């Protein structure tokens, strides 16, 4: 219990310090355009959803939360800070479950997951990513939590259902991939048309987002993104395309994930299920900054999934 209280308040202190630091260097609450949307249109969009019916709540329910909080910037950010701390309690519980006791070495490694720079940044914003990461992680805590998470996720991010593929047994996952390949060939013209439609979207919103999207290469470019982008994300090598502070902060977090798994089980966070699942998002998203936000739940889940599968050969036991 003491460790839970300690991690909870450490998380709040760390994210509050991050907030103060970001505001001091000029990163304001409206740094992300979506934050402005949540702060100014949540009442209106929530009313529209109520008027249009239940189906329109899919992918849009975060507006309800923001509306309930009065579109108040401080209240919404405070909510995200609390969910950041709660997520770290889940990480603590899973770390103890898979890695054993909290010795000094294991506690030091735990901090690599708890004090993740990009997650702390997200918790200082009005974005829904902190809540999505929370939902993705509780799915690792058992069947009941998995069901609650799976049912809730589409209301926040409909394509978030792909996060749960990494929890499937290898045989079922492989069968799913086989079915996807069959669908591609059976409905080739329709599927390719849909993929090219996604590929036409412009999603490079930041100057520092210099990772090539290969959009001009059509279907071949989509294939390159499918293979290359997950590798860049899992290895933090996307930072080589531009030494920007935002990308370096994200890359540092990925390095911390890999150090955690290397120290405990002697391997990286790369798994084929995570790689293929992240590849799906590379088909749908054409800007790397947006892509990182969409796949970050995979990256947060990855270290815990790896040690859960390799707990019998922990180095610190």
Protein backbone atom coordinates (compact mmCIF):
# COMPACT_ATOMS: atom_id res chain seq x y z
CA UNK A 1 0.00 0.00 0.00
CA UNK A 2 2.85 2.41 0.83
CA UNK A 3 4.37 1.88 -2.61
CA UNK A 4 1.01 2.66 -4.24
CA UNK A 5 0.64 5.92 -2.32
CA UNK A 6 4.25 6.82 -3.06
CA UNK A 7 3.91 6.19 -6.82
CA UNK A 8 0.59 8.04 -6.99
CA UNK A 9 1.92 11.22 -5.39
CA UNK A 10 5.28 10.95 -7.17
CA UNK A 11 3.32 10.84 -10.43
CA UNK A 12 1.30 13.93 -9.55
CA UNK A 13 4.40 15.85 -8.47
CA UNK A 14 6.28 14.84 -11.64
CA UNK A 15 3.47 15.80 -13.99
CA UNK A 16 2.87 19.09 -12.16
CA UNK A 17 6.58 19.88 -12.50
CA UNK A 18 6.30 19.05 -16.21
CA UNK A 19 3.36 21.44 -16.54
CA UNK A 20 5.27 24.27 -14.83
CA UNK A 21 8.35 23.62 -16.97
CA UNK A 22 6.38 23.56 -20.23
CA UNK A 23 4.55 26.77 -19.43
CA UNK A 24 7.89 28.40 -18.49
CA UNK A 25 9.38 27.61 -21.91
CA UNK A 26 6.28 28.77 -23.77
CA UNK A 27 4.32 25.55 -24.36
CA UNK A 28 0.80 26.71 -23.55
CA UNK A 29 -2.43 24.77 -23.14
CA UNK A 30 -3.33 25.37 -26.80
CA UNK A 31 -0.10 23.86 -28.19
CA UNK A 32 -2.21 21.06 -29.70
CA UNK A 33 -5.05 22.24 -31.98
CA UNK A 34 -7.35 19.51 -30.61
CA UNK A 35 -7.10 21.13 -27.18
CA UNK A 36 -8.67 24.29 -28.56
CA UNK A 37 -11.47 22.20 -30.06
CA UNK A 38 -12.20 20.53 -26.72
CA UNK A 39 -12.11 23.86 -24.89
CA UNK A 40 -14.44 25.69 -27.26
CA UNK A 41 -16.82 23.24 -28.95
CA UNK A 42 -17.47 20.38 -26.50
CA UNK A 43 -20.88 21.73 -25.40
CA UNK A 44 -22.04 22.12 -28.98
CA UNK A 45 -20.72 18.76 -30.19
CA UNK A 46 -22.15 16.95 -27.16
CA UNK A 47 -25.58 18.40 -27.91
CA UNK A 48 -25.27 17.34 -31.54
CA UNK A 49 -24.41 13.80 -30.45
CA UNK A 50 -27.48 13.69 -28.21
CA UNK A 51 -29.63 14.90 -31.09
CA UNK A 52 -28.20 12.43 -33.61
CA UNK A 53 -28.39 9.35 -31.40
CA UNK A 54 -26.21 6.70 -29.76
CA UNK A 55 -24.17 5.83 -32.86
CA UNK A 56 -22.65 9.29 -33.09
CA UNK A 57 -21.13 8.83 -29.62
CA UNK A 58 -18.63 6.38 -31.11
CA UNK A 59 -15.22 8.06 -31.30
CA UNK A 60 -16.67 11.32 -29.92
CA UNK A 61 -17.52 10.64 -26.28
CA UNK A 62 -14.52 12.56 -24.95
CA UNK A 63 -16.48 15.70 -25.83
CA UNK A 64 -19.03 14.63 -23.22
CA UNK A 65 -16.33 14.50 -20.54
CA UNK A 66 -15.04 17.92 -21.53
CA UNK A 67 -18.58 19.28 -21.55
CA UNK A 68 -19.32 17.82 -18.11
CA UNK A 69 -16.21 19.61 -16.88
CA UNK A 70 -17.56 22.86 -18.32
CA UNK A 71 -14.95 23.03 -21.09
CA UNK A 72 -12.72 24.23 -18.27
CA UNK A 73 -9.05 24.03 -19.22
CA UNK A 74 -7.78 23.59 -15.65
CA UNK A 75 -10.37 20.92 -14.80
CA UNK A 76 -9.71 18.85 -17.92
CA UNK A 77 -5.94 18.97 -17.48
CA UNK A 78 -6.35 18.08 -13.79
CA UNK A 79 -8.44 15.06 -14.86
CA UNK A 80 -5.67 13.94 -17.20
CA UNK A 81 -3.08 14.35 -14.45
CA UNK A 82 -5.14 12.12 -12.16
CA UNK A 83 -5.53 9.49 -14.89
CA UNK A 84 -1.76 9.66 -15.47
CA UNK A 85 -1.21 8.84 -11.79
CA UNK A 86 -3.83 6.06 -11.88
CA UNK A 87 -2.16 4.60 -14.96
CA UNK A 88 1.11 4.48 -13.05
CA UNK A 89 -0.61 2.52 -10.28
CA UNK A 90 -1.61 -0.03 -12.91
CA UNK A 91 1.98 -0.11 -14.17
CA UNK A 92 3.16 -0.65 -10.59
CA UNK A 93 0.75 -3.54 -10.07
CA UNK A 94 1.70 -5.21 -13.35
CA UNK A 95 5.41 -4.63 -12.69
CA UNK A 96 5.15 -6.37 -9.31
CA UNK A 97 3.05 -9.17 -10.84
CA UNK A 98 5.48 -9.90 -13.66
CA UNK A 99 8.83 -8.75 -12.23
CA UNK A 100 8.36 -9.71 -8.59
CA UNK A 101 9.32 -7.62 -5.57
CA UNK A 102 10.32 -3.95 -5.52
CA UNK A 103 14.02 -4.28 -4.86
CA UNK A 104 16.18 -1.21 -5.45
CA UNK A 105 17.10 -2.40 -8.95
CA UNK A 106 13.52 -3.15 -9.92
CA UNK A 107 12.23 0.08 -8.41
CA UNK A 108 14.77 2.04 -10.44
CA UNK A 109 13.60 0.23 -13.57
CA UNK A 110 9.95 0.86 -12.68
CA UNK A 111 10.66 4.60 -12.73
CA UNK A 112 11.59 4.26 -16.42
CA UNK A 113 7.94 3.42 -17.09
CA UNK A 114 6.38 5.73 -14.52
CA UNK A 115 8.30 8.90 -15.41
CA UNK A 116 7.91 8.66 -19.17
CA UNK A 117 8.48 12.13 -20.71
CA UNK A 118 5.88 11.89 -23.46
CA UNK A 119 3.18 10.50 -21.19
CA UNK A 120 3.86 13.33 -18.76
CA UNK A 121 3.53 15.83 -21.60
CA UNK A 122 0.22 14.31 -22.71
CA UNK A 123 -1.07 14.56 -19.14
CA UNK A 124 -0.44 18.33 -19.17
CA UNK A 125 -2.73 18.75 -22.19
CA UNK A 126 -6.47 18.52 -22.83
CA UNK A 127 -5.98 15.61 -25.24
CA UNK A 128 -7.74 12.27 -24.73
CA UNK A 129 -4.57 10.20 -25.12
CA UNK A 130 -3.93 9.86 -21.37
CA UNK A 131 -7.36 8.30 -20.88
CA UNK A 132 -6.86 6.04 -23.90
CA UNK A 133 -3.52 4.79 -22.53
CA UNK A 134 -5.24 4.15 -19.18
CA UNK A 135 -7.92 2.05 -20.89
CA UNK A 136 -5.37 0.13 -22.95
CA UNK A 137 -3.32 -0.76 -19.86
CA UNK A 138 -6.22 -1.94 -17.70
CA UNK A 139 -6.88 -4.57 -20.37
CA UNK A 140 -3.71 -6.31 -19.11
CA UNK A 141 -5.22 -6.82 -15.66
CA UNK A 142 -7.56 -9.69 -16.45
CA UNK A 143 -10.62 -10.73 -18.44
CA UNK A 144 -13.11 -8.49 -16.62
CA UNK A 145 -10.94 -5.39 -17.08
CA UNK A 146 -10.31 -6.40 -20.69
CA UNK A 147 -14.06 -6.48 -21.39
CA UNK A 148 -14.65 -3.09 -19.77
CA UNK A 149 -11.72 -1.59 -21.66
CA UNK A 150 -12.72 -3.13 -25.00
CA UNK A 151 -16.31 -1.91 -24.74
CA UNK A 152 -15.29 1.60 -23.69
CA UNK A 153 -12.42 2.21 -26.11
CA UNK A 154 -14.45 2.75 -29.33
CA UNK A 155 -16.30 5.62 -27.67
CA UNK A 156 -12.98 7.44 -27.34
CA UNK A 157 -11.06 6.12 -30.37
CA UNK A 158 -12.81 3.70 -32.68
CA UNK A 159 -9.60 2.34 -34.25
CA UNK A 160 -8.37 1.75 -30.69
CA UNK A 161 -9.89 -1.74 -30.98
CA UNK A 162 -6.66 -2.68 -32.75
CA UNK A 163 -4.80 -2.21 -29.46
CA UNK A 164 -6.33 -5.44 -28.18
CA UNK A 165 -4.94 -7.59 -30.98
CA UNK A 166 -1.58 -7.80 -29.20
CA UNK A 167 -3.32 -9.63 -26.33
CA UNK A 168 -4.58 -12.45 -28.55
CA UNK A 169 -2.83 -15.84 -28.52
CA UNK A 170 -0.33 -16.18 -31.37
CA UNK A 171 -2.46 -18.72 -33.25
CA UNK A 172 -5.56 -16.51 -33.17
CA UNK A 173 -3.53 -13.43 -34.08
CA UNK A 174 -1.95 -15.28 -37.02
CA UNK A 175 -5.39 -16.42 -38.15
CA UNK A 176 -6.57 -12.80 -38.01
CA UNK A 177 -3.65 -11.73 -40.19
CA UNK A 178 -4.46 -14.52 -42.64
CA UNK A 179 -8.10 -13.38 -42.80
CA UNK A 180 -6.98 -9.77 -43.39
CA UNK A 181 -4.78 -10.92 -46.29
CA UNK A 182 -7.69 -12.89 -47.77
CA UNK A 183 -9.99 -9.87 -47.50
CA UNK A 184 -7.36 -7.76 -49.23
CA UNK A 185 -7.23 -10.10 -52.22
CA UNK A 186 -10.96 -10.85 -52.39
CA UNK A 187 -12.02 -7.20 -52.17
CA UNK A 188 -8.82 -5.85 -53.67
CA UNK A 189 -10.25 -2.92 -55.61
CA UNK A 190 -12.38 -1.65 -52.73
CA UNK A 191 -9.65 -2.12 -50.09
CA UNK A 192 -6.97 -0.48 -52.23
CA UNK A 193 -9.32 2.42 -52.96
CA UNK A 194 -9.92 2.91 -49.23
CA UNK A 195 -6.20 2.74 -48.47
CA UNK A 196 -5.44 5.34 -51.14
CA UNK A 197 -8.19 7.54 -49.73
CA UNK A 198 -6.50 7.49 -46.32
CA UNK A 199 -3.15 8.04 -48.03
CA UNK A 200 -4.43 11.27 -49.59
CA UNK A 201 -5.01 12.88 -46.18
CA UNK A 202 -2.44 15.48 -45.12
CA UNK A 203 -1.51 14.89 -41.47
CA UNK A 204 1.94 16.47 -41.14
CA UNK A 205 0.95 19.41 -38.96
CA UNK A 206 4.32 20.37 -37.42
CA UNK A 207 7.51 21.69 -38.96
CA UNK A 208 9.58 19.21 -36.94
CA UNK A 209 7.57 16.29 -38.37
CA UNK A 210 10.11 15.49 -41.07
CA UNK A 211 9.78 11.69 -41.18
CA UNK A 212 8.94 10.85 -44.82
CA UNK A 213 5.36 9.63 -45.41
CA UNK A 214 5.93 8.32 -48.96
CA UNK A 215 2.44 9.52 -49.93
CA UNK A 216 3.52 10.29 -53.49
CA UNK A 217 4.42 6.63 -54.03
CA UNK A 218 0.83 5.45 -53.76
CA UNK A 219 0.30 1.83 -52.69
CA UNK A 220 4.06 1.19 -52.56
CA UNK A 221 4.44 4.13 -50.19
CA UNK A 222 1.74 2.71 -47.94
CA UNK A 223 3.66 -0.56 -47.86
CA UNK A 224 6.87 1.25 -46.95
CA UNK A 225 5.09 3.05 -44.09
CA UNK A 226 3.66 -0.26 -42.87
CA UNK A 227 7.16 -1.73 -42.54
CA UNK A 228 9.31 1.30 -41.72
CA UNK A 229 7.23 3.40 -39.34
CA UNK A 230 6.75 0.74 -36.63
CA UNK A 231 10.49 -0.01 -36.69
CA UNK A 232 11.28 3.69 -36.28
CA UNK A 233 8.83 3.92 -33.36
CA UNK A 234 10.03 0.77 -31.56
CA UNK A 235 13.69 1.76 -31.83
CA UNK A 236 13.31 5.55 -31.37
CA UNK A 237 15.25 6.00 -34.63
CA UNK A 238 12.57 8.40 -35.94
CA UNK A 239 14.46 11.08 -34.00
CA UNK A 240 17.26 10.86 -36.58
CA UNK A 241 15.04 12.60 -39.12
CA UNK A 242 15.13 15.84 -37.14
CA UNK A 243 16.71 16.79 -33.84
CA UNK A 244 13.61 18.59 -32.55
CA UNK A 245 12.91 18.80 -28.82
CA UNK A 246 9.42 17.20 -29.10
CA UNK A 247 10.67 14.19 -31.08
CA UNK A 248 13.73 13.81 -28.82
CA UNK A 249 11.45 13.70 -25.77
CA UNK A 250 9.32 11.00 -27.37
CA UNK A 251 12.44 9.08 -28.41
CA UNK A 252 13.82 9.25 -24.86
CA UNK A 253 10.65 7.58 -23.61
CA UNK A 254 11.02 4.75 -26.13
CA UNK A 255 14.65 4.28 -25.11
CA UNK A 256 13.49 4.05 -21.48
CA UNK A 257 10.99 1.33 -22.45
CA UNK A 258 13.75 -0.66 -24.15
CA UNK A 259 16.21 -0.20 -21.27
CA UNK A 260 13.52 -1.55 -18.92
CA UNK A 261 13.02 -4.77 -20.90
CA UNK A 262 16.71 -5.25 -21.70
CA UNK A 263 17.60 -4.93 -18.01
CA UNK A 264 14.92 -7.40 -16.91
CA UNK A 265 14.83 -10.01 -19.68
CA UNK A 266 17.63 -9.13 -22.09
CA UNK A 267 15.50 -8.16 -25.10
CA UNK A 268 13.86 -5.14 -26.71
CA UNK A 269 10.16 -4.25 -26.76
CA UNK A 270 9.86 -5.49 -30.36
CA UNK A 271 7.35 -8.31 -30.93
CA UNK A 272 5.78 -9.37 -34.20
CA UNK A 273 2.26 -8.81 -32.91
CA UNK A 274 3.07 -5.24 -31.86
CA UNK A 275 4.95 -4.60 -35.12
CA UNK A 276 2.07 -5.76 -37.32
CA UNK A 277 -0.55 -3.97 -35.20
CA UNK A 278 1.41 -0.72 -35.38
CA UNK A 279 1.75 -1.24 -39.11
CA UNK A 280 -2.04 -1.05 -39.45
CA UNK A 281 -1.95 2.47 -38.03
CA UNK A 282 0.80 3.39 -40.50
CA UNK A 283 -1.67 2.58 -43.29
CA UNK A 284 -4.30 4.89 -41.84
CA UNK A 285 -2.11 7.83 -40.72
CA UNK A 286 0.15 9.94 -42.96
CA UNK A 287 1.92 12.20 -40.45
CA UNK A 288 4.49 10.77 -38.04
CA UNK A 289 3.59 13.13 -35.21
CA UNK A 290 -0.01 11.95 -35.37
CA UNK A 291 1.15 8.35 -35.84
CA UNK A 292 3.16 8.41 -32.61
CA UNK A 293 0.11 9.57 -30.67
CA UNK A 294 -2.01 6.78 -32.14
CA UNK A 295 0.51 4.00 -31.50
CA UNK A 296 1.79 5.19 -28.13
CA UNK A 297 -0.56 2.84 -26.22
CA UNK A 298 1.26 -0.04 -27.95
CA UNK A 299 4.60 1.36 -26.78
CA UNK A 300 3.37 1.73 -23.19
CA UNK A 301 1.95 -1.80 -23.20
CA UNK A 302 5.00 -3.35 -24.88
CA UNK A 303 7.45 -3.51 -21.92
CA UNK A 304 4.85 -5.12 -19.67
CA UNK A 305 3.80 -7.58 -22.36
CA UNK A 306 7.42 -8.56 -22.99
CA UNK A 307 8.24 -9.21 -19.33
CA UNK A 308 4.93 -11.04 -18.82
CA UNK A 309 5.96 -13.46 -21.56
CA UNK A 310 9.55 -13.75 -20.30
CA UNK A 311 9.08 -13.55 -16.51
CA UNK A 312 10.59 -17.02 -16.03
CA UNK A 313 13.99 -15.69 -17.09
CA UNK A 314 14.15 -12.39 -15.27
CA UNK A 315 17.70 -11.21 -14.61
CA UNK A 316 16.81 -9.78 -11.18
CA UNK A 317 15.07 -12.62 -9.37
